[in-house]
Amino acid sequence: MSDKEQPNNPSHELSTWGVGPWQGDLPEGHDHPESIYDPELLANGDTRNVVDKYRYWKMEAIVADLDTKRHPFHVAIENWQHDLNIGSIVRNANAFLAQEVHIIGNKRWNRRGAMVTDRYQHIRHHETVEEFLTWAKSENLPIIAIDNVPGCQKIETYKLPESCVFLFGQEGPGLSEQAIEASDVVLEITQFGSTRSINASAAAAITMHAWVQQHVFA
């Protein structure tokens, strides 16, 4: 059905910045206090980086809807050097709908790479690896470390658990020895070029997509 045949639907104008003010009659119940719609966005347009379904929705309404269908895997990142990749990993976690992101170590991290997706993603802080391990054990979640160290297995041939935590390290040094020893398994992403490692946020995206391939599209 064309846009002209849907006069009461929001504008389907696609651009790099979003959509303009709502076109036509406003959605039913838009002025109710519990409406999913944001009055300011309806009036002024929605320039956020959200999928079309969530255009004009309140942020809390989007989070509530995402919470009904999040995947059962978590993502954890060691943060000892304020790695700039953390923001990108959070963005990837939102894209693949991770249950939660865990920051281990320094609580502060550079949010620029997240492109405000951290507003829609649950994030938990653990001061130490021990604190993180205690949490994972209490949730009965296996820890799947991603690093290319001796004895690791290939992610391409490994059966990933449905519920688990993917653990990533810093760009360069990788995971701490303590984190590796505490993990149930260490997986590597097979590479074919001359570089020894790939970008941490790229590794996170590949890992989460591998989970999606096994548990969503299998």
Protein backbone atom coordinates (compact mmCIF):
# COMPACT_ATOMS: atom_id res chain seq x y z
CA MET A 1 0.00 0.00 0.00
CA SER A 2 1.42 3.41 -0.93
CA ASP A 3 1.89 6.35 1.43
CA LYS A 4 -0.91 8.21 -0.37
CA GLU A 5 -3.29 5.40 0.58
CA GLN A 6 -2.33 5.76 4.25
CA PRO A 7 -3.14 9.42 5.06
CA ASN A 8 -3.26 8.84 8.82
CA ASN A 9 0.12 7.15 9.06
CA PRO A 10 3.33 9.02 9.87
CA SER A 11 5.44 10.33 7.02
CA HIS A 12 7.63 7.63 5.52
CA GLU A 13 10.22 10.14 4.39
CA LEU A 14 13.58 8.45 4.82
CA SER A 15 16.69 10.51 5.40
CA THR A 16 19.89 10.49 7.39
CA TRP A 17 18.31 12.66 10.07
CA GLY A 18 14.93 10.99 10.57
CA VAL A 19 11.39 12.12 9.84
CA GLY A 20 9.51 15.39 10.12
CA PRO A 21 6.37 16.17 12.14
CA TRP A 22 3.55 13.60 12.07
CA GLN A 23 1.46 13.95 8.92
CA GLY A 24 -2.33 13.70 9.01
CA ASP A 25 -4.55 12.89 11.99
CA LEU A 26 -2.63 12.27 15.19
CA PRO A 27 -2.61 8.65 16.45
CA GLU A 28 -5.48 7.55 18.66
CA GLY A 29 -4.79 8.11 22.35
CA HIS A 30 -1.71 10.23 21.69
CA ASP A 31 -2.69 12.69 24.45
CA HIS A 32 -3.19 10.02 27.11
CA PRO A 33 -0.53 10.12 29.89
CA GLU A 34 0.33 6.47 29.23
CA SER A 35 0.52 6.84 25.45
CA ILE A 36 3.63 5.46 23.76
CA TYR A 37 3.87 8.66 21.70
CA ASP A 38 5.98 11.70 22.59
CA PRO A 39 4.03 14.95 22.01
CA GLU A 40 7.19 16.92 21.14
CA LEU A 41 8.29 14.36 18.56
CA LEU A 42 4.84 14.28 17.00
CA ALA A 43 4.92 18.06 16.69
CA ASN A 44 8.54 18.61 15.68
CA GLY A 45 9.69 15.39 14.05
CA ASP A 46 11.89 12.51 15.16
CA THR A 47 15.58 12.74 14.28
CA ARG A 48 16.71 9.82 16.47
CA ASN A 49 18.52 6.80 15.05
CA VAL A 50 15.65 4.36 15.62
CA VAL A 51 13.89 1.89 13.35
CA ASP A 52 10.64 3.02 11.74
CA LYS A 53 8.49 1.12 14.24
CA TYR A 54 9.71 3.37 17.05
CA ARG A 55 9.35 6.70 15.29
CA TYR A 56 7.66 9.24 17.58
CA TRP A 57 7.68 6.83 20.55
CA LYS A 58 8.74 7.92 24.02
CA MET A 59 12.15 6.58 25.01
CA GLU A 60 10.73 4.65 27.98
CA ALA A 61 8.11 3.08 25.71
CA ILE A 62 10.81 1.86 23.35
CA VAL A 63 12.81 0.35 26.22
CA ALA A 64 9.69 -1.34 27.59
CA ASP A 65 8.92 -2.88 24.21
CA LEU A 66 12.53 -4.05 23.74
CA ASP A 67 12.40 -5.65 27.19
CA THR A 68 9.65 -7.98 26.03
CA LYS A 69 11.88 -9.59 23.39
CA ARG A 70 15.53 -9.25 24.42
CA HIS A 71 17.78 -12.22 23.67
CA PRO A 72 19.08 -14.23 26.64
CA PHE A 73 22.77 -13.50 26.05
CA HIS A 74 24.71 -10.80 27.92
CA VAL A 75 27.80 -8.86 26.88
CA ALA A 76 30.62 -8.01 29.29
CA ILE A 77 33.65 -5.78 28.72
CA GLU A 78 36.75 -5.28 30.84
CA ASN A 79 37.36 -1.55 31.17
CA TRP A 80 40.79 -0.86 32.62
CA GLN A 81 42.08 1.67 30.05
CA HIS A 82 38.94 3.61 29.06
CA ASP A 83 38.82 1.75 25.75
CA LEU A 84 37.08 3.79 23.07
CA ASN A 85 35.59 0.57 21.65
CA ILE A 86 33.20 0.19 24.58
CA GLY A 87 30.70 2.63 23.12
CA SER A 88 30.67 0.76 19.84
CA ILE A 89 30.22 -2.55 21.66
CA VAL A 90 27.21 -1.09 23.50
CA ARG A 91 25.80 0.02 20.14
CA ASN A 92 26.27 -3.50 18.77
CA ALA A 93 24.61 -4.97 21.85
CA ASN A 94 21.59 -2.79 21.19
CA ALA A 95 21.52 -3.80 17.52
CA PHE A 96 21.53 -7.50 18.39
CA LEU A 97 19.22 -6.96 21.39
CA ALA A 98 21.45 -8.26 24.18
CA GLN A 99 19.82 -8.77 27.55
CA GLU A 100 22.33 -6.54 29.32
CA VAL A 101 25.81 -5.02 28.99
CA HIS A 102 28.28 -5.35 31.85
CA ILE A 103 31.20 -2.96 32.37
CA ILE A 104 33.95 -4.50 34.51
CA GLY A 105 36.47 -2.15 36.12
CA ASN A 106 36.28 1.60 35.58
CA LYS A 107 32.71 2.81 35.74
CA ARG A 108 33.32 5.69 33.35
CA TRP A 109 33.53 4.95 29.65
CA ASN A 110 33.43 6.97 26.45
CA ARG A 111 29.80 7.02 25.31
CA ARG A 112 30.42 8.73 21.98
CA GLY A 113 30.68 5.45 20.08
CA ALA A 114 27.36 4.28 21.51
CA MET A 115 25.51 6.93 19.47
CA VAL A 116 22.99 7.29 22.35
CA THR A 117 21.98 3.61 22.07
CA ASP A 118 22.98 3.28 25.74
CA ARG A 119 19.65 4.95 26.52
CA TYR A 120 17.87 1.85 25.23
CA GLN A 121 20.29 -0.77 26.58
CA HIS A 122 20.47 -1.98 30.18
CA ILE A 123 24.01 -1.49 31.53
CA ARG A 124 25.40 -2.84 34.79
CA HIS A 125 28.74 -2.03 36.43
CA HIS A 126 31.02 -4.46 38.29
CA GLU A 127 34.03 -2.98 40.06
CA THR A 128 36.11 -6.16 39.81
CA VAL A 129 36.28 -9.43 37.88
CA GLU A 130 35.40 -11.22 41.12
CA GLU A 131 32.20 -9.20 41.46
CA PHE A 132 31.28 -10.00 37.87
CA LEU A 133 31.98 -13.70 38.37
CA THR A 134 29.79 -13.77 41.47
CA TRP A 135 26.94 -12.24 39.48
CA ALA A 136 27.38 -14.68 36.55
CA LYS A 137 27.42 -17.65 38.93
CA SER A 138 24.28 -16.42 40.70
CA GLU A 139 22.52 -16.29 37.32
CA ASN A 140 23.90 -19.69 36.28
CA LEU A 141 25.33 -18.16 33.11
CA PRO A 142 28.41 -19.67 31.42
CA ILE A 143 31.12 -17.15 30.53
CA ILE A 144 32.25 -17.27 26.91
CA ALA A 145 35.51 -15.35 26.53
CA ILE A 146 36.49 -14.04 23.10
CA ASP A 147 40.26 -13.87 22.60
CA ASN A 148 42.95 -15.48 20.45
CA VAL A 149 45.08 -17.15 23.10
CA PRO A 150 46.70 -20.61 23.18
CA GLY A 151 44.14 -23.37 23.65
CA CYS A 152 41.16 -21.37 22.42
CA GLN A 153 38.49 -22.91 20.20
CA LYS A 154 37.00 -21.63 16.96
CA ILE A 155 33.72 -19.78 17.30
CA GLU A 156 32.69 -20.93 13.83
CA THR A 157 32.43 -24.56 14.97
CA TYR A 158 31.41 -24.07 18.59
CA LYS A 159 27.82 -24.59 19.76
CA LEU A 160 27.02 -21.41 21.68
CA PRO A 161 24.75 -21.72 24.74
CA GLU A 162 21.41 -19.98 24.42
CA SER A 163 21.88 -18.20 27.75
CA CYS A 164 25.42 -16.98 28.36
CA VAL A 165 27.76 -14.02 28.80
CA PHE A 166 30.19 -13.02 26.07
CA LEU A 167 33.29 -11.49 27.63
CA PHE A 168 35.54 -9.09 25.72
CA GLY A 169 38.82 -7.42 26.63
CA GLN A 170 40.64 -4.22 25.84
CA GLU A 171 41.85 -3.30 22.40
CA GLY A 172 45.46 -4.51 22.23
CA PRO A 173 46.10 -6.42 25.47
CA GLY A 174 42.87 -8.41 25.26
CA LEU A 175 41.37 -10.08 28.29
CA SER A 176 43.12 -10.20 31.63
CA GLU A 177 44.56 -13.53 32.73
CA GLN A 178 42.09 -13.61 35.61
CA ALA A 179 39.15 -13.25 33.25
CA ILE A 180 40.42 -15.96 30.91
CA GLU A 181 40.98 -18.41 33.76
CA ALA A 182 37.47 -17.78 35.08
CA SER A 183 35.78 -18.35 31.72
CA ASP A 184 34.06 -21.59 30.80
CA VAL A 185 35.59 -21.49 27.34
CA VAL A 186 37.71 -19.14 25.24
CA LEU A 187 36.77 -18.73 21.59
CA GLU A 188 38.62 -17.08 18.75
CA ILE A 189 37.30 -15.60 15.51
CA THR A 190 39.15 -17.16 12.60
CA GLN A 191 41.20 -14.66 10.59
CA PHE A 192 42.92 -15.03 7.27
CA GLY A 193 45.05 -11.92 6.84
CA SER A 194 48.31 -10.67 8.31
CA THR A 195 46.96 -8.81 11.34
CA ARG A 196 47.05 -10.62 14.69
CA SER A 197 43.74 -9.30 15.99
CA ILE A 198 40.63 -7.44 14.92
CA ASN A 199 38.93 -4.43 16.43
CA ALA A 200 37.18 -5.29 19.72
CA SER A 201 33.86 -3.83 18.64
CA ALA A 202 34.05 -5.77 15.36
CA ALA A 203 34.75 -8.95 17.33
CA ALA A 204 31.72 -8.26 19.51
CA ALA A 205 29.47 -7.77 16.48
CA ILE A 206 30.71 -11.00 14.87
CA THR A 207 30.18 -12.92 18.11
CA MET A 208 26.65 -11.67 18.66
CA HIS A 209 25.76 -12.37 15.04
CA ALA A 210 27.12 -15.91 15.43
CA TRP A 211 24.71 -16.37 18.35
CA VAL A 212 21.84 -15.01 16.24
CA GLN A 213 22.66 -17.41 13.42
CA GLN A 214 22.57 -20.39 15.80
CA HIS A 215 19.55 -19.45 17.92
CA VAL A 216 17.33 -17.26 15.74
CA PHE A 217 17.85 -18.50 12.19
CA ALA A 218 18.91 -22.10 12.80
